Structure formats: structure tokens, C-alpha cells
Amino acid sequence: MPERDAARGRILLAFAAIYLLWGSTYVAIRYAVETLPPFLMAGTRHLVAGLALYAFCRRGSPVRPRARDWGFAAVIGALMLFGGNGLVSWAERRVPWGLSALIVASVPIWMTVLESLRERRAPRPAVIAGLVLGLVSLAWLVIPAAGRGAAVDPLGAGALLIASLSWAAGSLYSRGVKFPVSTFVAVAMEMIAGGLVLGTVGLAVGEGSRLHLAAVSPRSIAALGYLILFGSLAGFSAYMWLLKVTTPARVSTYAYVNPVVAVLLGWALAGESVTLRMGLAALGIVAAVAIIIRFGGQRREKAIVRELAPVEEPVRLRAGGTS
């Protein structure tokens, strides 16, 4: 029983990390990109976190990653950390962080669509209803209201939608990849690869010439440190570990909480307005995600003992079982 309780505690702690910490990272990203170029900032964030985690977890381990494992890590890093997180970082210069979190809450919608396409099966009627509700709510949030100007910057909104789709694709792809190393070494490899991709793209689009270290504010530096410690080392590690030990439907429940945390912080710290349009669209998105998670994951639910039994990788990992 103590081992089972410890396993349950690790899972609850990991869910707390993606529920609360990731909601606050929208604030940190906005502060970081005030004076730091978005792709170079995101690349630094993940590269530093990945190198630190890799060095910590590889101590004394005889198992070494193969070249093909680094290839898998590069695909996951490119989809999730460049396509997902990098585009969110870029978009937050154009879109308030509360709205950014609401749009990114569509990740479970894209997960359901991609999984249905991969398995060549039609979703259940309830899931289709949830997809329609979610897409209509997103469209109402993003598309300009007649005669009232743009509700959201179109380039920023488009980047956030692509980011959501890319993150969903990377999440599903990662579940099918079997690394010979521990889960946390694999997560470190993905962060290193994603950080290198982000840095390369940042330099390719000219961010290096726009980076002036003397002009970087203390608030941006503090935000970057927060993102390294809590967004990447804690949050991303917890998310990738949860994808291995429980179902995508359960992991996707973070989409309920992140927008609420981000919107409340936007209202409290930056005076971001919460309009009736935004509130109704948020209710529609959250309701759609709730329907999809409730009815979309039943066919592939694992036995509950999978979550309550001792989890192999954290027990075997010498560096400790924390996420």
C-alpha cells in the first residue's frame, strides 16, 4: 500500500504541475518576450532545462541513447517545442495571454481529430457535437465581429491555432515512441532537440541581430528563469511522464484549468479585460473539451490499476522520482 500511495502521489503532483504551473507560464512568456526575441527565448528556455535534466538523469546510467532515439526526440521537440511552444511565444507579442490560453485550450479537440484520422474511425456522435461546439466557439472568439473590428490579431490567432495542432500531433506521436532510456532522459533529449530547433529558427529569421543584452529587462530575465524551472523542468517533464502512465483523455484535462489561471492572472496583474464575448466563448471551448474528454477516451481507457500501481520508470530512475 505505501508504494501504491507513493505512485498516486506522484501522479497527483504531476497533474498539479500541468494544471497550475502551465497556466502561469502564459504570464511568464509575455513578460519574457517583452525584451527577448521569442524563438531565441524559447530555445534558451528548453535547451538549458534539457541539458540540466540530461546531465542529472544520466549520472551512473549504463544505457546510452542511440542515434535513432535522438531522431525521435528531434521530431517530438520540433512538433511540441518549436511548433507548439515557440509559436505561442511568438504570438504572445500580439495576443493577450488570457486569450492565448483560451485558444490553446483547443488542443484536446485537435488530438481527437488526429487520433480519429490515424485510426480511420469516425468519432462518436457526442464527440462530433463537442468538436462542432469547440470550433464554433473558437471561430466566434477569433473571427472579427461585424462592424466591430478584429476580436484577436489574425496572425497571432493563426499562430496559436497552428501551435495547438502541432502540440497535439507531437503528444500523440510521443506515445508511440519507445525509448530505451528512462522517461526523464527522453524528456531531456526532446527539450535539447527542441531548443536547438528553436534557436536555429530564431537565428534564421534574424532574431540574433535584434537581441541587445543591455536592453533586456530584469523582468524578462526573471520570467525566463521561471520558465526554465517551472515551465520546462517541472511542467513539461510532468506532462510527458503523464502521457506514458495514463490516457491522453485524462492528461488533456489540463485544458480546463490553464485558461482559468491565465485569465485570472491577466485580469489581476495586467488589467486584461474579460468581455462577455470572451466569457461565452470560453464556456463553449471548455464545454467542448469536457464533452470530448468524457466521451472520446472511453474506448481506449486503461485499467485504473495502471494509475494506482507503482510506476516503473520513476522507481528505476536513480536521479529520483520527481517530475
C-alpha atoms as a PDB file:
ATOM      1  CA  MET A   1       0.000   0.000   0.000  1.00  0.00           C
ATOM      2  CA  PRO A   2       2.771   2.555   0.700  1.00  0.00           C
ATOM      3  CA  GLU A   3       4.115   2.002  -2.851  1.00  0.00           C
ATOM      4  CA  ARG A   4       0.635   2.452  -4.296  1.00  0.00           C
ATOM      5  CA  ASP A   5       0.112   5.633  -2.280  1.00  0.00           C
ATOM      6  CA  ALA A   6       3.505   6.934  -3.450  1.00  0.00           C
ATOM      7  CA  ALA A   7       2.583   6.247  -7.082  1.00  0.00           C
ATOM      8  CA  ARG A   8      -0.741   8.049  -6.620  1.00  0.00           C
ATOM      9  CA  GLY A   9       1.086  10.966  -5.000  1.00  0.00           C
ATOM     10  CA  ARG A  10       3.479  11.265  -7.957  1.00  0.00           C
ATOM     11  CA  ILE A  11       0.556  11.339 -10.375  1.00  0.00           C
ATOM     12  CA  LEU A  12      -1.312  13.973  -8.367  1.00  0.00           C
ATOM     13  CA  LEU A  13       1.833  16.105  -8.131  1.00  0.00           C
ATOM     14  CA  ALA A  14       2.367  15.845 -11.888  1.00  0.00           C
ATOM     15  CA  PHE A  15      -1.236  16.888 -12.565  1.00  0.00           C
ATOM     16  CA  ALA A  16      -0.850  19.840 -10.207  1.00  0.00           C
ATOM     17  CA  ALA A  17       2.213  20.917 -12.194  1.00  0.00           C
ATOM     18  CA  ILE A  18       0.424  20.960 -15.548  1.00  0.00           C
ATOM     19  CA  TYR A  19      -2.765  22.429 -14.073  1.00  0.00           C
ATOM     20  CA  LEU A  20      -1.332  25.380 -12.166  1.00  0.00           C
ATOM     21  CA  LEU A  21       2.236  25.937 -13.349  1.00  0.00           C
ATOM     22  CA  TRP A  22       1.354  25.863 -17.026  1.00  0.00           C
ATOM     23  CA  GLY A  23      -1.465  28.320 -16.513  1.00  0.00           C
ATOM     24  CA  SER A  24       1.025  30.777 -15.045  1.00  0.00           C
ATOM     25  CA  THR A  25       3.570  30.266 -17.837  1.00  0.00           C
ATOM     26  CA  TYR A  26       1.417  32.325 -20.198  1.00  0.00           C
ATOM     27  CA  VAL A  27       2.177  35.286 -17.939  1.00  0.00           C
ATOM     28  CA  ALA A  28       5.881  34.445 -17.796  1.00  0.00           C
ATOM     29  CA  ILE A  29       6.100  34.090 -21.585  1.00  0.00           C
ATOM     30  CA  ARG A  30       4.519  37.517 -22.065  1.00  0.00           C
ATOM     31  CA  TYR A  31       6.999  39.128 -19.681  1.00  0.00           C
ATOM     32  CA  ALA A  32       9.943  37.248 -21.219  1.00  0.00           C
ATOM     33  CA  VAL A  33       9.214  38.338 -24.800  1.00  0.00           C
ATOM     34  CA  GLU A  34       8.906  41.993 -23.783  1.00  0.00           C
ATOM     35  CA  THR A  35      12.662  42.389 -24.303  1.00  0.00           C
ATOM     36  CA  LEU A  36      13.788  38.953 -25.552  1.00  0.00           C
ATOM     37  CA  PRO A  37      13.190  37.621 -29.096  1.00  0.00           C
ATOM     38  CA  PRO A  38      10.537  34.886 -28.827  1.00  0.00           C
ATOM     39  CA  PHE A  39      12.228  31.984 -30.631  1.00  0.00           C
ATOM     40  CA  LEU A  40      15.635  32.572 -29.059  1.00  0.00           C
ATOM     41  CA  MET A  41      13.984  32.962 -25.660  1.00  0.00           C
ATOM     42  CA  ALA A  42      12.052  29.707 -26.042  1.00  0.00           C
ATOM     43  CA  GLY A  43      15.140  27.953 -27.401  1.00  0.00           C
ATOM     44  CA  THR A  44      17.234  29.072 -24.435  1.00  0.00           C
ATOM     45  CA  ARG A  45      14.483  28.001 -22.066  1.00  0.00           C
ATOM     46  CA  HIS A  46      14.285  24.434 -23.325  1.00  0.00           C
ATOM     47  CA  LEU A  47      17.967  23.953 -24.119  1.00  0.00           C
ATOM     48  CA  VAL A  48      19.091  24.978 -20.631  1.00  0.00           C
ATOM     49  CA  ALA A  49      16.391  22.871 -18.978  1.00  0.00           C
ATOM     50  CA  GLY A  50      17.134  19.900 -21.231  1.00  0.00           C
ATOM     51  CA  LEU A  51      20.890  19.958 -20.661  1.00  0.00           C
ATOM     52  CA  ALA A  52      20.436  20.243 -16.894  1.00  0.00           C
ATOM     53  CA  LEU A  53      17.935  17.372 -16.760  1.00  0.00           C
ATOM     54  CA  TYR A  54      20.029  15.207 -19.095  1.00  0.00           C
ATOM     55  CA  ALA A  55      23.190  15.649 -17.017  1.00  0.00           C
ATOM     56  CA  PHE A  56      21.278  14.941 -13.802  1.00  0.00           C
ATOM     57  CA  CYS A  57      19.496  11.815 -15.025  1.00  0.00           C
ATOM     58  CA  ARG A  58      22.388  10.273 -16.944  1.00  0.00           C
ATOM     59  CA  ARG A  59      24.677  10.048 -13.917  1.00  0.00           C
ATOM     60  CA  GLY A  60      25.811   6.462 -13.498  1.00  0.00           C
ATOM     61  CA  SER A  61      23.359   5.108 -16.080  1.00  0.00           C
ATOM     62  CA  PRO A  62      24.890   2.486 -18.421  1.00  0.00           C
ATOM     63  CA  VAL A  63      22.164   2.894 -21.068  1.00  0.00           C
ATOM     64  CA  ARG A  64      23.056   5.391 -23.769  1.00  0.00           C
ATOM     65  CA  PRO A  65      20.625   6.855 -26.305  1.00  0.00           C
ATOM     66  CA  ARG A  66      21.047   5.655 -29.871  1.00  0.00           C
ATOM     67  CA  ALA A  67      21.213   7.906 -32.932  1.00  0.00           C
ATOM     68  CA  ARG A  68      17.673   6.896 -33.887  1.00  0.00           C
ATOM     69  CA  ASP A  69      16.473   7.910 -30.407  1.00  0.00           C
ATOM     70  CA  TRP A  70      17.833  11.398 -30.979  1.00  0.00           C
ATOM     71  CA  GLY A  71      15.932  11.403 -34.278  1.00  0.00           C
ATOM     72  CA  PHE A  72      12.683  10.572 -32.479  1.00  0.00           C
ATOM     73  CA  ALA A  73      13.459  13.246 -29.893  1.00  0.00           C
ATOM     74  CA  ALA A  74      14.060  15.791 -32.657  1.00  0.00           C
ATOM     75  CA  VAL A  75      10.638  15.092 -34.202  1.00  0.00           C
ATOM     76  CA  ILE A  76       8.887  15.434 -30.846  1.00  0.00           C
ATOM     77  CA  GLY A  77      10.889  18.545 -29.958  1.00  0.00           C
ATOM     78  CA  ALA A  78      10.150  20.159 -33.317  1.00  0.00           C
ATOM     79  CA  LEU A  79       6.411  19.471 -33.099  1.00  0.00           C
ATOM     80  CA  MET A  80       5.833  20.299 -29.437  1.00  0.00           C
ATOM     81  CA  LEU A  81       8.514  22.822 -28.505  1.00  0.00           C
ATOM     82  CA  PHE A  82       9.040  24.662 -31.776  1.00  0.00           C
ATOM     83  CA  GLY A  83       5.647  24.242 -33.426  1.00  0.00           C
ATOM     84  CA  GLY A  84       3.822  24.353 -30.113  1.00  0.00           C
ATOM     85  CA  ASN A  85       5.630  26.440 -27.534  1.00  0.00           C
ATOM     86  CA  GLY A  86       7.693  28.531 -29.945  1.00  0.00           C
ATOM     87  CA  LEU A  87       4.672  29.779 -31.855  1.00  0.00           C
ATOM     88  CA  VAL A  88       2.863  30.551 -28.588  1.00  0.00           C
ATOM     89  CA  SER A  89       5.865  32.639 -27.508  1.00  0.00           C
ATOM     90  CA  TRP A  90       5.803  34.488 -30.828  1.00  0.00           C
ATOM     91  CA  ALA A  91       2.041  35.015 -30.716  1.00  0.00           C
ATOM     92  CA  GLU A  92       2.006  36.450 -27.209  1.00  0.00           C
ATOM     93  CA  ARG A  93       3.519  39.656 -28.558  1.00  0.00           C
ATOM     94  CA  ARG A  94       0.252  40.064 -30.470  1.00  0.00           C
ATOM     95  CA  VAL A  95      -2.423  38.354 -28.358  1.00  0.00           C
ATOM     96  CA  PRO A  96      -3.158  38.878 -24.620  1.00  0.00           C
ATOM     97  CA  TRP A  97      -2.088  35.907 -22.545  1.00  0.00           C
ATOM     98  CA  GLY A  98      -5.608  35.098 -21.358  1.00  0.00           C
ATOM     99  CA  LEU A  99      -6.879  34.832 -24.927  1.00  0.00           C
ATOM    100  CA  SER A 100      -3.782  32.840 -25.877  1.00  0.00           C
ATOM    101  CA  ALA A 101      -4.577  30.265 -23.205  1.00  0.00           C
ATOM    102  CA  LEU A 102      -8.190  30.016 -24.390  1.00  0.00           C
ATOM    103  CA  ILE A 103      -7.161  29.325 -27.974  1.00  0.00           C
ATOM    104  CA  VAL A 104      -4.520  26.804 -26.914  1.00  0.00           C
ATOM    105  CA  ALA A 105      -7.226  25.059 -24.864  1.00  0.00           C
ATOM    106  CA  SER A 106      -8.327  23.617 -28.208  1.00  0.00           C
ATOM    107  CA  VAL A 107      -5.502  21.029 -28.031  1.00  0.00           C
ATOM    108  CA  PRO A 108      -7.861  18.169 -26.986  1.00  0.00           C
ATOM    109  CA  ILE A 109     -10.042  18.985 -30.000  1.00  0.00           C
ATOM    110  CA  TRP A 110      -7.115  18.527 -32.384  1.00  0.00           C
ATOM    111  CA  MET A 111      -5.998  15.407 -30.509  1.00  0.00           C
ATOM    112  CA  THR A 112      -9.407  13.854 -31.098  1.00  0.00           C
ATOM    113  CA  VAL A 113      -9.407  14.785 -34.790  1.00  0.00           C
ATOM    114  CA  LEU A 114      -5.884  13.448 -35.372  1.00  0.00           C
ATOM    115  CA  GLU A 115      -6.499  10.238 -33.445  1.00  0.00           C
ATOM    116  CA  SER A 116      -9.689   9.576 -35.423  1.00  0.00           C
ATOM    117  CA  LEU A 117      -7.835  10.143 -38.690  1.00  0.00           C
ATOM    118  CA  ARG A 118      -4.996   7.868 -37.622  1.00  0.00           C
ATOM    119  CA  GLU A 119      -7.351   5.067 -36.603  1.00  0.00           C
ATOM    120  CA  ARG A 120      -9.642   5.660 -39.599  1.00  0.00           C
ATOM    121  CA  ARG A 121     -12.760   5.659 -37.496  1.00  0.00           C
ATOM    122  CA  ALA A 122     -15.493   8.215 -37.074  1.00  0.00           C
ATOM    123  CA  PRO A 123     -15.803   9.828 -33.641  1.00  0.00           C
ATOM    124  CA  ARG A 124     -18.892   9.150 -31.553  1.00  0.00           C
ATOM    125  CA  PRO A 125     -21.861  11.477 -32.141  1.00  0.00           C
ATOM    126  CA  ALA A 126     -21.277  13.156 -28.762  1.00  0.00           C
ATOM    127  CA  VAL A 127     -17.637  13.791 -29.696  1.00  0.00           C
ATOM    128  CA  ILE A 128     -18.680  15.242 -33.055  1.00  0.00           C
ATOM    129  CA  ALA A 129     -21.056  17.571 -31.197  1.00  0.00           C
ATOM    130  CA  GLY A 130     -18.173  18.595 -28.929  1.00  0.00           C
ATOM    131  CA  LEU A 131     -15.919  19.234 -31.930  1.00  0.00           C
ATOM    132  CA  VAL A 132     -18.549  21.424 -33.575  1.00  0.00           C
ATOM    133  CA  LEU A 133     -19.155  23.360 -30.350  1.00  0.00           C
ATOM    134  CA  GLY A 134     -15.428  23.888 -29.846  1.00  0.00           C
ATOM    135  CA  LEU A 135     -14.760  25.019 -33.402  1.00  0.00           C
ATOM    136  CA  VAL A 136     -17.746  27.387 -33.400  1.00  0.00           C
ATOM    137  CA  SER A 137     -16.614  28.871 -30.077  1.00  0.00           C
ATOM    138  CA  LEU A 138     -13.064  29.312 -31.381  1.00  0.00           C
ATOM    139  CA  ALA A 139     -14.335  30.926 -34.554  1.00  0.00           C
ATOM    140  CA  TRP A 140     -16.523  33.322 -32.577  1.00  0.00           C
ATOM    141  CA  LEU A 141     -13.577  34.230 -30.392  1.00  0.00           C
ATOM    142  CA  VAL A 142     -11.127  34.761 -33.240  1.00  0.00           C
ATOM    143  CA  ILE A 143     -13.133  35.984 -36.262  1.00  0.00           C
ATOM    144  CA  PRO A 144     -13.892  39.726 -36.255  1.00  0.00           C
ATOM    145  CA  ALA A 145     -17.370  40.741 -35.191  1.00  0.00           C
ATOM    146  CA  ALA A 146     -19.260  42.526 -37.933  1.00  0.00           C
ATOM    147  CA  GLY A 147     -18.509  46.224 -37.762  1.00  0.00           C
ATOM    148  CA  ARG A 148     -16.542  45.958 -34.523  1.00  0.00           C
ATOM    149  CA  GLY A 149     -13.002  45.348 -35.757  1.00  0.00           C
ATOM    150  CA  ALA A 150     -10.823  42.325 -35.118  1.00  0.00           C
ATOM    151  CA  ALA A 151     -11.506  40.427 -31.931  1.00  0.00           C
ATOM    152  CA  VAL A 152      -7.980  38.973 -31.990  1.00  0.00           C
ATOM    153  CA  ASP A 153      -4.913  39.783 -34.060  1.00  0.00           C
ATOM    154  CA  PRO A 154      -5.314  37.387 -37.030  1.00  0.00           C
ATOM    155  CA  LEU A 155      -1.631  36.481 -37.350  1.00  0.00           C
ATOM    156  CA  GLY A 156      -1.353  35.823 -33.637  1.00  0.00           C
ATOM    157  CA  ALA A 157      -4.545  33.775 -33.584  1.00  0.00           C
ATOM    158  CA  GLY A 158      -3.424  31.764 -36.602  1.00  0.00           C
ATOM    159  CA  ALA A 159      -0.079  31.038 -34.964  1.00  0.00           C
ATOM    160  CA  LEU A 160      -1.843  29.863 -31.803  1.00  0.00           C
ATOM    161  CA  LEU A 161      -4.124  27.522 -33.750  1.00  0.00           C
ATOM    162  CA  ILE A 162      -1.133  26.042 -35.594  1.00  0.00           C
ATOM    163  CA  ALA A 163       0.670  25.738 -32.264  1.00  0.00           C
ATOM    164  CA  SER A 164      -2.264  23.826 -30.785  1.00  0.00           C
ATOM    165  CA  LEU A 165      -2.377  21.441 -33.736  1.00  0.00           C
ATOM    166  CA  SER A 166       1.381  20.903 -33.648  1.00  0.00           C
ATOM    167  CA  TRP A 167       1.366  20.246 -29.894  1.00  0.00           C
ATOM    168  CA  ALA A 168      -1.461  17.719 -30.287  1.00  0.00           C
ATOM    169  CA  ALA A 169       0.388  15.931 -33.102  1.00  0.00           C
ATOM    170  CA  GLY A 170       3.601  15.789 -31.073  1.00  0.00           C
ATOM    171  CA  SER A 171       1.774  14.499 -27.995  1.00  0.00           C
ATOM    172  CA  LEU A 172       0.173  11.643 -29.921  1.00  0.00           C
ATOM    173  CA  TYR A 173       3.395  10.821 -31.758  1.00  0.00           C
ATOM    174  CA  SER A 174       5.344  10.662 -28.499  1.00  0.00           C
ATOM    175  CA  ARG A 175       3.052   7.973 -27.092  1.00  0.00           C
ATOM    176  CA  GLY A 176       4.098   5.581 -29.838  1.00  0.00           C
ATOM    177  CA  VAL A 177       7.847   6.089 -29.388  1.00  0.00           C
ATOM    178  CA  LYS A 178       9.686   3.632 -27.141  1.00  0.00           C
ATOM    179  CA  PHE A 179      12.970   4.961 -25.808  1.00  0.00           C
ATOM    180  CA  PRO A 180      15.489   2.522 -24.260  1.00  0.00           C
ATOM    181  CA  VAL A 181      16.378   5.143 -21.655  1.00  0.00           C
ATOM    182  CA  SER A 182      14.237   6.371 -18.747  1.00  0.00           C
ATOM    183  CA  THR A 183      11.304   8.661 -19.397  1.00  0.00           C
ATOM    184  CA  PHE A 184      13.100  11.672 -17.957  1.00  0.00           C
ATOM    185  CA  VAL A 185      16.226  11.158 -20.072  1.00  0.00           C
ATOM    186  CA  ALA A 186      13.924  11.009 -23.105  1.00  0.00           C
ATOM    187  CA  VAL A 187      12.210  14.244 -21.991  1.00  0.00           C
ATOM    188  CA  ALA A 188      15.632  15.893 -21.633  1.00  0.00           C
ATOM    189  CA  MET A 189      16.568  14.772 -25.144  1.00  0.00           C
ATOM    190  CA  GLU A 190      13.340  16.227 -26.514  1.00  0.00           C
ATOM    191  CA  MET A 191      13.989  19.557 -24.798  1.00  0.00           C
ATOM    192  CA  ILE A 192      17.581  19.674 -26.084  1.00  0.00           C
ATOM    193  CA  ALA A 193      16.457  18.901 -29.640  1.00  0.00           C
ATOM    194  CA  GLY A 194      13.539  21.330 -29.470  1.00  0.00           C
ATOM    195  CA  GLY A 195      15.766  24.046 -28.026  1.00  0.00           C
ATOM    196  CA  LEU A 196      18.250  23.632 -30.880  1.00  0.00           C
ATOM    197  CA  VAL A 197      15.458  23.832 -33.467  1.00  0.00           C
ATOM    198  CA  LEU A 198      14.056  26.966 -31.834  1.00  0.00           C
ATOM    199  CA  GLY A 199      17.481  28.587 -31.670  1.00  0.00           C
ATOM    200  CA  THR A 200      18.212  27.762 -35.300  1.00  0.00           C
ATOM    201  CA  VAL A 201      14.898  29.208 -36.447  1.00  0.00           C
ATOM    202  CA  GLY A 202      15.413  32.305 -34.306  1.00  0.00           C
ATOM    203  CA  LEU A 203      18.800  32.977 -35.887  1.00  0.00           C
ATOM    204  CA  ALA A 204      17.429  32.225 -39.366  1.00  0.00           C
ATOM    205  CA  VAL A 205      14.695  34.868 -39.035  1.00  0.00           C
ATOM    206  CA  GLY A 206      17.143  37.497 -37.781  1.00  0.00           C
ATOM    207  CA  GLU A 207      16.441  37.469 -34.061  1.00  0.00           C
ATOM    208  CA  GLY A 208      20.181  37.462 -33.298  1.00  0.00           C
ATOM    209  CA  SER A 209      20.580  40.962 -34.716  1.00  0.00           C
ATOM    210  CA  ARG A 210      17.569  42.148 -32.703  1.00  0.00           C
ATOM    211  CA  LEU A 211      18.878  40.809 -29.400  1.00  0.00           C
ATOM    212  CA  HIS A 212      20.506  43.568 -27.361  1.00  0.00           C
ATOM    213  CA  LEU A 213      21.587  42.216 -23.999  1.00  0.00           C
ATOM    214  CA  ALA A 214      21.874  45.672 -22.459  1.00  0.00           C
ATOM    215  CA  ALA A 215      18.209  46.265 -23.229  1.00  0.00           C
ATOM    216  CA  VAL A 216      16.960  43.038 -21.658  1.00  0.00           C
ATOM    217  CA  SER A 217      14.891  43.898 -18.595  1.00  0.00           C
ATOM    218  CA  PRO A 218      15.226  42.208 -15.186  1.00  0.00           C
ATOM    219  CA  ARG A 219      11.579  41.179 -15.505  1.00  0.00           C
ATOM    220  CA  SER A 220      12.295  39.306 -18.745  1.00  0.00           C
ATOM    221  CA  ILE A 221      15.292  37.565 -17.180  1.00  0.00           C
ATOM    222  CA  ALA A 222      13.243  36.556 -14.128  1.00  0.00           C
ATOM    223  CA  ALA A 223      10.445  35.302 -16.389  1.00  0.00           C
ATOM    224  CA  LEU A 224      12.933  33.231 -18.398  1.00  0.00           C
ATOM    225  CA  GLY A 225      14.254  31.686 -15.191  1.00  0.00           C
ATOM    226  CA  TYR A 226      10.703  30.858 -14.116  1.00  0.00           C
ATOM    227  CA  LEU A 227      10.001  29.216 -17.468  1.00  0.00           C
ATOM    228  CA  ILE A 228      13.161  27.106 -17.244  1.00  0.00           C
ATOM    229  CA  LEU A 229      12.450  25.866 -13.735  1.00  0.00           C
ATOM    230  CA  PHE A 230       8.682  25.591 -13.635  1.00  0.00           C
ATOM    231  CA  GLY A 231       7.543  25.582 -17.255  1.00  0.00           C
ATOM    232  CA  SER A 232      10.114  23.148 -18.676  1.00  0.00           C
ATOM    233  CA  LEU A 233      11.804  21.193 -15.889  1.00  0.00           C
ATOM    234  CA  ALA A 234       8.630  20.737 -13.843  1.00  0.00           C
ATOM    235  CA  GLY A 235       5.718  21.249 -16.240  1.00  0.00           C
ATOM    236  CA  PHE A 236       6.946  19.682 -19.483  1.00  0.00           C
ATOM    237  CA  SER A 237       8.578  16.749 -17.664  1.00  0.00           C
ATOM    238  CA  ALA A 238       5.343  16.093 -15.770  1.00  0.00           C
ATOM    239  CA  TYR A 239       3.263  16.274 -18.960  1.00  0.00           C
ATOM    240  CA  MET A 240       5.458  13.847 -20.928  1.00  0.00           C
ATOM    241  CA  TRP A 241       5.592  11.426 -17.992  1.00  0.00           C
ATOM    242  CA  LEU A 242       1.805  11.503 -17.601  1.00  0.00           C
ATOM    243  CA  LEU A 243       1.397  10.701 -21.306  1.00  0.00           C
ATOM    244  CA  LYS A 244       3.286   7.460 -20.617  1.00  0.00           C
ATOM    245  CA  VAL A 245       1.424   6.367 -17.487  1.00  0.00           C
ATOM    246  CA  THR A 246      -2.160   7.419 -18.141  1.00  0.00           C
ATOM    247  CA  THR A 247      -4.506   8.148 -21.034  1.00  0.00           C
ATOM    248  CA  PRO A 248      -4.464  11.228 -23.284  1.00  0.00           C
ATOM    249  CA  ALA A 249      -8.049  11.926 -22.184  1.00  0.00           C
ATOM    250  CA  ARG A 250      -7.006  12.300 -18.551  1.00  0.00           C
ATOM    251  CA  VAL A 251      -3.880  14.297 -19.368  1.00  0.00           C
ATOM    252  CA  SER A 252      -5.936  16.632 -21.556  1.00  0.00           C
ATOM    253  CA  THR A 253      -7.915  17.779 -18.524  1.00  0.00           C
ATOM    254  CA  TYR A 254      -5.230  20.430 -18.002  1.00  0.00           C
ATOM    255  CA  ALA A 255      -7.092  22.311 -20.755  1.00  0.00           C
ATOM    256  CA  TYR A 256      -9.889  23.014 -18.239  1.00  0.00           C
ATOM    257  CA  VAL A 257      -7.652  24.787 -15.768  1.00  0.00           C
ATOM    258  CA  ASN A 258      -4.910  26.585 -17.727  1.00  0.00           C
ATOM    259  CA  PRO A 259      -7.207  29.193 -19.318  1.00  0.00           C
ATOM    260  CA  VAL A 260      -8.850  29.991 -15.983  1.00  0.00           C
ATOM    261  CA  VAL A 261      -5.463  30.526 -14.318  1.00  0.00           C
ATOM    262  CA  ALA A 262      -4.179  32.617 -17.233  1.00  0.00           C
ATOM    263  CA  VAL A 263      -7.299  34.773 -17.498  1.00  0.00           C
ATOM    264  CA  LEU A 264      -7.383  35.451 -13.748  1.00  0.00           C
ATOM    265  CA  LEU A 265      -3.695  36.379 -13.743  1.00  0.00           C
ATOM    266  CA  GLY A 266      -4.207  38.579 -16.804  1.00  0.00           C
ATOM    267  CA  TRP A 267      -7.020  40.390 -15.033  1.00  0.00           C
ATOM    268  CA  ALA A 268      -5.123  40.719 -11.733  1.00  0.00           C
ATOM    269  CA  LEU A 269      -1.623  41.571 -12.997  1.00  0.00           C
ATOM    270  CA  ALA A 270      -2.108  43.315 -16.328  1.00  0.00           C
ATOM    271  CA  GLY A 271      -5.665  44.625 -16.240  1.00  0.00           C
ATOM    272  CA  GLU A 272      -6.677  42.469 -19.221  1.00  0.00           C
ATOM    273  CA  SER A 273     -10.402  42.827 -19.780  1.00  0.00           C
ATOM    274  CA  VAL A 274     -12.765  39.865 -19.620  1.00  0.00           C
ATOM    275  CA  THR A 275     -15.569  40.645 -22.044  1.00  0.00           C
ATOM    276  CA  LEU A 276     -18.924  38.913 -22.354  1.00  0.00           C
ATOM    277  CA  ARG A 277     -17.873  37.611 -25.781  1.00  0.00           C
ATOM    278  CA  MET A 278     -14.694  36.178 -24.302  1.00  0.00           C
ATOM    279  CA  GLY A 279     -16.553  34.630 -21.371  1.00  0.00           C
ATOM    280  CA  LEU A 280     -19.159  32.938 -23.568  1.00  0.00           C
ATOM    281  CA  ALA A 281     -16.522  31.678 -25.987  1.00  0.00           C
ATOM    282  CA  ALA A 282     -14.522  30.341 -23.045  1.00  0.00           C
ATOM    283  CA  LEU A 283     -17.571  28.473 -21.746  1.00  0.00           C
ATOM    284  CA  GLY A 284     -18.085  26.980 -25.190  1.00  0.00           C
ATOM    285  CA  ILE A 285     -14.451  25.871 -25.512  1.00  0.00           C
ATOM    286  CA  VAL A 286     -14.312  24.377 -22.022  1.00  0.00           C
ATOM    287  CA  ALA A 287     -17.658  22.623 -22.543  1.00  0.00           C
ATOM    288  CA  ALA A 288     -16.425  21.200 -25.847  1.00  0.00           C
ATOM    289  CA  VAL A 289     -13.228  19.932 -24.236  1.00  0.00           C
ATOM    290  CA  ALA A 290     -15.286  18.403 -21.413  1.00  0.00           C
ATOM    291  CA  ILE A 291     -17.522  16.535 -23.878  1.00  0.00           C
ATOM    292  CA  ILE A 292     -14.569  15.296 -25.931  1.00  0.00           C
ATOM    293  CA  ILE A 293     -12.611  14.116 -22.899  1.00  0.00           C
ATOM    294  CA  ARG A 294     -15.707  12.478 -21.382  1.00  0.00           C
ATOM    295  CA  PHE A 295     -16.782  10.559 -24.472  1.00  0.00           C
ATOM    296  CA  GLY A 296     -13.664  10.447 -26.614  1.00  0.00           C
ATOM    297  CA  GLY A 297     -11.368   8.448 -24.377  1.00  0.00           C
ATOM    298  CA  GLN A 298     -13.653   5.615 -23.286  1.00  0.00           C
ATOM    299  CA  ARG A 299     -12.657   3.165 -25.995  1.00  0.00           C
ATOM    300  CA  ARG A 300      -9.013   3.280 -25.003  1.00  0.00           C
ATOM    301  CA  GLU A 301      -9.214   3.762 -21.248  1.00  0.00           C
ATOM    302  CA  LYS A 302      -6.628   1.803 -19.310  1.00  0.00           C
ATOM    303  CA  ALA A 303      -7.498  -0.042 -16.124  1.00  0.00           C
ATOM    304  CA  ILE A 304      -7.448   2.163 -13.058  1.00  0.00           C
ATOM    305  CA  VAL A 305      -4.761  -0.027 -11.538  1.00  0.00           C
ATOM    306  CA  ARG A 306      -2.396   1.386 -14.169  1.00  0.00           C
ATOM    307  CA  GLU A 307      -2.527   4.671 -12.323  1.00  0.00           C
ATOM    308  CA  LEU A 308      -2.502   3.256  -8.812  1.00  0.00           C
ATOM    309  CA  ALA A 309       0.219   0.621  -9.199  1.00  0.00           C
ATOM    310  CA  PRO A 310       3.865   1.549  -8.706  1.00  0.00           C
ATOM    311  CA  VAL A 311       5.190   3.243 -11.844  1.00  0.00           C
ATOM    312  CA  GLU A 312       8.259   1.555 -13.266  1.00  0.00           C
ATOM    313  CA  GLU A 313      10.360   4.378 -14.654  1.00  0.00           C
ATOM    314  CA  PRO A 314      10.406   6.731 -11.648  1.00  0.00           C
ATOM    315  CA  VAL A 315      11.190   3.808  -9.322  1.00  0.00           C
ATOM    316  CA  ARG A 316      14.036   2.654 -11.563  1.00  0.00           C
ATOM    317  CA  LEU A 317      15.400   6.140 -12.165  1.00  0.00           C
ATOM    318  CA  ARG A 318      18.441   6.779  -9.976  1.00  0.00           C
ATOM    319  CA  ALA A 319      18.089  10.502 -10.185  1.00  0.00           C
ATOM    320  CA  GLY A 320      14.910  10.328  -8.148  1.00  0.00           C
ATOM    321  CA  GLY A 321      11.257  10.027  -8.953  1.00  0.00           C
ATOM    322  CA  THR A 322      10.296  13.661  -9.087  1.00  0.00           C
ATOM    323  CA  SER A 323       8.857  15.353 -12.099  1.00  0.00           C
END
